[in-house]
Protein backbone atom coordinates (compact mmCIF):
# COMPACT_ATOMS: atom_id res chain seq x y z
CA MET A 1 46.30 -4.46 -19.76
CA LYS A 2 46.89 -4.60 -15.96
CA LEU A 3 44.44 -1.66 -15.53
CA ARG A 4 41.69 -3.44 -17.32
CA MET A 5 42.41 -6.58 -15.45
CA TRP A 6 42.22 -4.78 -12.20
CA SER A 7 39.05 -3.03 -13.15
CA THR A 8 37.40 -6.32 -14.09
CA ASN A 9 38.49 -8.02 -10.85
CA ALA A 10 37.10 -5.00 -8.81
CA GLN A 11 33.76 -5.10 -10.54
CA LYS A 12 33.64 -8.87 -9.89
CA GLU A 13 34.29 -8.30 -6.22
CA GLN A 14 31.80 -5.54 -6.07
CA GLU A 15 29.11 -7.86 -7.51
CA LEU A 16 29.80 -10.65 -5.20
CA LEU A 17 29.80 -8.31 -2.21
CA LEU A 18 26.42 -6.92 -3.27
CA GLU A 19 25.01 -10.37 -3.74
CA ASN A 20 26.28 -11.40 -0.30
CA ILE A 21 24.60 -8.43 1.25
CA LYS A 22 21.35 -9.18 -0.46
CA GLN A 23 21.45 -12.86 0.51
CA LYS A 24 22.07 -11.85 4.24
CA LEU A 25 19.19 -9.41 4.03
CA LYS A 26 16.91 -11.98 2.57
CA SER A 27 17.73 -14.65 5.05
CA ASN A 28 16.79 -12.51 8.01
CA ASN A 29 13.29 -11.27 7.42
CA LYS A 30 13.24 -9.32 10.41
CA ASN A 31 16.11 -7.18 9.37
CA PRO A 32 14.87 -3.40 9.18
CA LEU A 33 16.56 -2.93 5.92
CA TRP A 34 14.92 -5.91 4.36
CA ILE A 35 11.62 -4.73 5.73
CA SER A 36 12.05 -1.33 4.42
CA LEU A 37 13.02 -2.66 0.98
CA THR A 38 9.88 -4.85 0.77
CA PHE A 39 7.68 -1.95 1.82
CA LYS A 40 9.33 0.28 -0.82
CA LEU A 41 8.86 -2.39 -3.44
CA ARG A 42 5.04 -2.84 -2.43
CA LEU A 43 4.43 0.78 -2.42
CA SER A 44 6.17 1.47 -5.80
CA ALA A 45 4.18 -1.35 -7.30
CA ALA A 46 0.93 0.03 -6.08
CA LEU A 47 1.74 3.49 -7.16
CA LEU A 48 2.58 2.18 -10.70
CA GLU A 49 -0.79 0.49 -10.68
CA LYS A 50 -2.91 3.45 -9.53
CA GLU A 51 -0.71 6.60 -9.43
CA THR A 52 -2.44 7.74 -6.08
CA LEU A 53 -2.93 5.83 -2.95
CA ASP A 54 -5.26 6.74 -0.13
CA LEU A 55 -4.84 5.96 3.49
CA HIS A 56 -6.80 2.63 3.28
CA SER A 57 -4.49 1.33 0.51
CA ILE A 58 -1.34 2.37 2.43
CA VAL A 59 -2.54 0.55 5.55
CA GLU A 60 -3.28 -2.55 3.43
CA ILE A 61 0.31 -2.46 2.04
CA LEU A 62 2.15 -1.41 5.20
CA GLY A 63 -0.04 -2.63 7.95
CA GLU A 64 -1.36 -0.55 10.96
CA ARG A 65 0.93 2.24 12.34
CA PRO A 66 3.26 1.01 15.17
CA PHE A 67 2.23 4.02 17.36
CA PRO A 68 -0.86 5.98 17.84
CA PRO A 69 -1.67 8.85 15.54
CA LYS A 70 -1.66 12.48 16.70
CA SER A 71 -4.84 13.93 17.84
CA ASN A 72 -5.47 16.15 14.78
CA PHE A 73 -4.76 13.19 12.54
CA LYS A 74 -6.93 10.99 14.61
CA ALA A 75 -9.77 13.45 14.46
CA TYR A 76 -9.47 13.47 10.67
CA LEU A 77 -9.52 9.78 10.50
CA GLU A 78 -12.63 9.64 12.60
CA TYR A 79 -14.34 12.26 10.40
CA LYS A 80 -13.27 10.19 7.34
CA ASN A 81 -14.79 7.04 8.85
CA LYS A 82 -18.03 8.87 9.72
CA GLU A 83 -18.18 10.27 6.02
CA GLU A 84 -17.63 6.93 4.49
CA LYS A 85 -20.16 5.19 6.75
CA PHE A 86 -22.74 8.03 5.76
CA GLU A 87 -22.05 7.61 2.10
CA LYS A 88 -22.64 3.81 2.49
CA GLU A 89 -25.82 4.31 4.21
CA MET A 90 -26.97 6.77 1.51
CA GLU A 91 -26.25 4.39 -1.15
CA GLU A 92 -28.24 1.70 0.64
CA VAL A 93 -31.24 4.13 0.94
CA ARG A 94 -30.88 4.98 -2.75
CA LYS A 95 -30.91 1.28 -3.66
CA GLU A 96 -33.98 0.69 -1.47
CA ASP A 97 -35.83 3.66 -3.22
CA GLU A 98 -34.89 2.57 -6.72
CA LYS A 99 -36.18 -1.00 -5.71
CA SER A 100 -39.46 0.33 -4.31
CA GLU A 101 -39.95 2.67 -7.28
CA GLU A 102 -39.47 -0.39 -9.65
CA GLU A 103 -41.94 -2.40 -7.59
CA GLN A 104 -44.53 0.30 -7.73
CA ARG A 105 -44.10 0.47 -11.65
CA ALA A 106 -44.50 -2.98 -11.86
CA ALA A 107 -47.54 -3.02 -9.81
CA SER A 108 -49.17 -0.23 -11.80
CA ALA A 109 -48.40 -1.74 -15.21
């Protein structure tokens, strides 16, 4: 009987302690532990939704890096940005071509 009562009291104290820690973390939004927890929650929610995340999605969730990237990573990012820009330009050209073909068909009909 005493052992069961002791176990119940210890469990209640543990729950109160955890709740107290949680409240302290929440009250200080600058706390690194709270920031880390919120980032983990955001990332996990995004991963549950999409299963994979690209760099752009990660930057949207976490924000920009607090330090500059290494040179090889920076070169990779520049390459990816150029590639994305080229793909967008090519898509615009395709749309313009389709539009001019449609206009030609309409004019010949």
